[in-house]
N, C-alpha and C. Protein backbone atom coordinates (compact mmCIF):
# COMPACT_ATOMS: atom_id res chain seq x y z
N MET A 1 165.88 89.75 -63.65
CA MET A 1 165.53 89.03 -64.85
C MET A 1 166.05 89.79 -66.06
N THR A 2 166.56 89.05 -66.98
CA THR A 2 167.07 89.69 -68.19
C THR A 2 166.11 89.46 -69.34
N PHE A 3 165.78 90.54 -69.99
CA PHE A 3 164.88 90.50 -71.13
C PHE A 3 165.58 90.99 -72.39
N LYS A 4 166.90 91.00 -72.35
CA LYS A 4 167.68 91.50 -73.46
C LYS A 4 167.48 90.60 -74.68
N GLY A 5 167.22 91.22 -75.82
CA GLY A 5 167.06 90.47 -77.06
C GLY A 5 165.67 89.93 -77.29
N ARG A 6 164.74 90.21 -76.42
CA ARG A 6 163.37 89.73 -76.59
C ARG A 6 162.62 90.65 -77.56
N HIS A 7 161.72 90.07 -78.34
CA HIS A 7 160.96 90.84 -79.32
C HIS A 7 159.75 91.53 -78.69
N PHE A 8 159.34 91.04 -77.54
CA PHE A 8 158.16 91.59 -76.86
C PHE A 8 158.59 92.34 -75.61
N ASP A 9 157.74 93.25 -75.18
CA ASP A 9 157.99 94.04 -73.98
C ASP A 9 157.98 93.14 -72.75
N ARG A 10 158.81 93.49 -71.78
CA ARG A 10 158.91 92.66 -70.57
C ARG A 10 157.59 92.60 -69.81
N SER A 11 156.79 93.66 -69.85
CA SER A 11 155.51 93.64 -69.15
C SER A 11 154.56 92.62 -69.76
N LEU A 12 154.58 92.45 -71.07
CA LEU A 12 153.75 91.46 -71.74
C LEU A 12 154.21 90.05 -71.38
N ILE A 13 155.51 89.84 -71.37
CA ILE A 13 156.06 88.52 -71.03
C ILE A 13 155.67 88.14 -69.60
N LEU A 14 155.87 89.06 -68.67
CA LEU A 14 155.53 88.77 -67.27
C LEU A 14 154.03 88.58 -67.08
N LEU A 15 153.23 89.33 -67.82
CA LEU A 15 151.78 89.18 -67.72
C LEU A 15 151.35 87.79 -68.16
N CYS A 16 151.86 87.33 -69.29
CA CYS A 16 151.49 86.00 -69.79
C CYS A 16 151.95 84.90 -68.83
N VAL A 17 153.17 85.01 -68.33
CA VAL A 17 153.68 83.99 -67.41
C VAL A 17 152.88 84.00 -66.12
N ARG A 18 152.58 85.18 -65.59
CA ARG A 18 151.81 85.28 -64.35
C ARG A 18 150.41 84.71 -64.52
N TRP A 19 149.74 85.04 -65.62
CA TRP A 19 148.40 84.50 -65.86
C TRP A 19 148.43 82.99 -66.02
N TYR A 20 149.46 82.48 -66.70
CA TYR A 20 149.57 81.04 -66.89
C TYR A 20 149.73 80.33 -65.55
N LEU A 21 150.59 80.87 -64.70
CA LEU A 21 150.86 80.24 -63.41
C LEU A 21 149.72 80.42 -62.42
N ALA A 22 149.14 81.62 -62.37
CA ALA A 22 148.15 81.93 -61.34
C ALA A 22 146.77 81.36 -61.65
N TYR A 23 146.38 81.38 -62.91
CA TYR A 23 145.00 81.02 -63.24
C TYR A 23 144.87 79.71 -64.01
N GLY A 24 145.98 79.06 -64.31
CA GLY A 24 145.91 77.77 -64.98
C GLY A 24 145.33 77.84 -66.38
N LEU A 25 145.51 78.96 -67.06
CA LEU A 25 145.03 79.10 -68.43
C LEU A 25 145.88 78.26 -69.36
N SER A 26 145.29 77.78 -70.43
CA SER A 26 146.08 77.05 -71.41
C SER A 26 146.88 78.04 -72.25
N LEU A 27 147.90 77.54 -72.88
CA LEU A 27 148.74 78.39 -73.72
C LEU A 27 147.95 78.93 -74.90
N ARG A 28 147.07 78.12 -75.43
CA ARG A 28 146.24 78.58 -76.56
C ARG A 28 145.22 79.63 -76.12
N ASN A 29 144.71 79.49 -74.90
CA ASN A 29 143.81 80.54 -74.38
C ASN A 29 144.55 81.86 -74.22
N LEU A 30 145.77 81.80 -73.73
CA LEU A 30 146.57 83.01 -73.61
C LEU A 30 146.86 83.62 -74.98
N GLU A 31 147.11 82.77 -75.95
CA GLU A 31 147.34 83.25 -77.32
C GLU A 31 146.10 84.00 -77.82
N LYS A 32 144.92 83.45 -77.58
CA LYS A 32 143.67 84.11 -78.00
C LYS A 32 143.44 85.40 -77.24
N MET A 33 143.75 85.40 -75.93
CA MET A 33 143.57 86.62 -75.14
C MET A 33 144.48 87.74 -75.62
N MET A 34 145.69 87.40 -76.00
CA MET A 34 146.60 88.41 -76.53
C MET A 34 146.13 88.89 -77.90
N ALA A 35 145.57 87.99 -78.70
CA ALA A 35 145.04 88.38 -80.02
C ALA A 35 143.87 89.35 -79.87
N GLU A 36 143.06 89.19 -78.81
CA GLU A 36 141.97 90.14 -78.55
C GLU A 36 142.51 91.52 -78.24
N ARG A 37 143.74 91.58 -77.77
CA ARG A 37 144.39 92.86 -77.47
C ARG A 37 145.29 93.31 -78.62
N CYS A 38 145.09 92.70 -79.80
CA CYS A 38 145.84 93.03 -81.02
C CYS A 38 147.34 92.76 -80.87
N ILE A 39 147.70 91.73 -80.12
CA ILE A 39 149.09 91.32 -79.96
C ILE A 39 149.20 89.90 -80.50
N THR A 40 149.99 89.74 -81.54
CA THR A 40 150.16 88.43 -82.16
C THR A 40 151.35 87.73 -81.51
N VAL A 41 151.06 86.70 -80.77
CA VAL A 41 152.10 85.89 -80.14
C VAL A 41 151.66 84.43 -80.20
N HIS A 42 152.57 83.56 -80.58
CA HIS A 42 152.27 82.13 -80.74
C HIS A 42 152.32 81.45 -79.37
N HIS A 43 151.50 80.41 -79.22
CA HIS A 43 151.45 79.71 -77.93
C HIS A 43 152.78 79.05 -77.59
N ALA A 44 153.55 78.66 -78.58
CA ALA A 44 154.87 78.06 -78.31
C ALA A 44 155.83 79.10 -77.72
N THR A 45 155.68 80.34 -78.15
CA THR A 45 156.49 81.41 -77.59
C THR A 45 156.15 81.63 -76.12
N ILE A 46 154.88 81.61 -75.80
CA ILE A 46 154.45 81.75 -74.41
C ILE A 46 155.00 80.60 -73.58
N HIS A 47 155.00 79.40 -74.13
CA HIS A 47 155.56 78.25 -73.42
C HIS A 47 157.04 78.45 -73.13
N ARG A 48 157.80 78.96 -74.09
CA ARG A 48 159.22 79.22 -73.86
C ARG A 48 159.40 80.25 -72.76
N TRP A 49 158.53 81.26 -72.71
CA TRP A 49 158.60 82.26 -71.64
C TRP A 49 158.35 81.62 -70.29
N VAL A 50 157.35 80.74 -70.22
CA VAL A 50 157.02 80.07 -68.96
C VAL A 50 158.19 79.23 -68.49
N VAL A 51 158.78 78.47 -69.40
CA VAL A 51 159.92 77.62 -69.04
C VAL A 51 161.09 78.48 -68.58
N ARG A 52 161.32 79.60 -69.25
CA ARG A 52 162.47 80.45 -68.94
C ARG A 52 162.29 81.26 -67.67
N TYR A 53 161.11 81.86 -67.46
CA TYR A 53 160.94 82.85 -66.40
C TYR A 53 160.21 82.34 -65.15
N SER A 54 159.47 81.25 -65.22
CA SER A 54 158.71 80.81 -64.05
C SER A 54 159.60 80.40 -62.87
N PRO A 55 160.73 79.70 -63.07
CA PRO A 55 161.55 79.37 -61.89
C PRO A 55 162.06 80.63 -61.17
N GLU A 56 162.45 81.63 -61.94
CA GLU A 56 162.96 82.85 -61.32
C GLU A 56 161.85 83.63 -60.63
N LEU A 57 160.65 83.64 -61.22
CA LEU A 57 159.52 84.31 -60.58
C LEU A 57 159.16 83.62 -59.26
N LEU A 58 159.12 82.30 -59.28
CA LEU A 58 158.80 81.56 -58.06
C LEU A 58 159.84 81.79 -56.98
N GLN A 59 161.10 81.87 -57.36
CA GLN A 59 162.16 82.13 -56.39
C GLN A 59 161.99 83.51 -55.77
N ARG A 60 161.66 84.51 -56.58
CA ARG A 60 161.46 85.86 -56.05
C ARG A 60 160.25 85.93 -55.12
N VAL A 61 159.20 85.21 -55.46
CA VAL A 61 158.01 85.20 -54.61
C VAL A 61 158.33 84.54 -53.28
N ASN A 62 159.07 83.45 -53.32
CA ASN A 62 159.42 82.74 -52.08
C ASN A 62 160.31 83.58 -51.18
N LEU A 63 161.15 84.41 -51.75
CA LEU A 63 162.00 85.30 -50.95
C LEU A 63 161.19 86.36 -50.22
N GLN A 64 160.06 86.75 -50.79
CA GLN A 64 159.24 87.80 -50.20
C GLN A 64 158.23 87.28 -49.20
N LYS A 65 158.08 85.96 -49.11
CA LYS A 65 157.14 85.40 -48.14
C LYS A 65 157.65 85.64 -46.71
N ARG A 66 156.72 85.92 -45.85
CA ARG A 66 157.08 86.06 -44.44
C ARG A 66 156.97 84.71 -43.75
N ALA A 67 157.80 84.52 -42.79
CA ALA A 67 157.75 83.27 -42.02
C ALA A 67 156.49 83.24 -41.17
N VAL A 68 155.89 82.09 -41.09
CA VAL A 68 154.70 81.91 -40.28
C VAL A 68 155.15 81.44 -38.89
N GLY A 69 154.76 82.21 -37.90
CA GLY A 69 155.18 81.86 -36.55
C GLY A 69 153.98 81.68 -35.64
N ARG A 70 154.24 81.17 -34.44
CA ARG A 70 153.18 80.97 -33.47
C ARG A 70 153.10 82.18 -32.57
N LYS A 71 151.92 82.48 -32.14
CA LYS A 71 151.71 83.60 -31.20
C LYS A 71 150.98 83.09 -29.99
């Protein structure tokens, strides 16, 4: 994943995207959660991150899944 030119740290971007996908939080809830951590980020920015990085994250997760077989 390329994070070149982003204003926020890659760990923050991945955290927001992961929380959005895993827990079904709204974008505005994520915005408030980041504000509680003294990080000002707009919900539209989080949405752009989700659109940009979620397909690649899902692809990486699917590559790491093990095949389910019969025993």
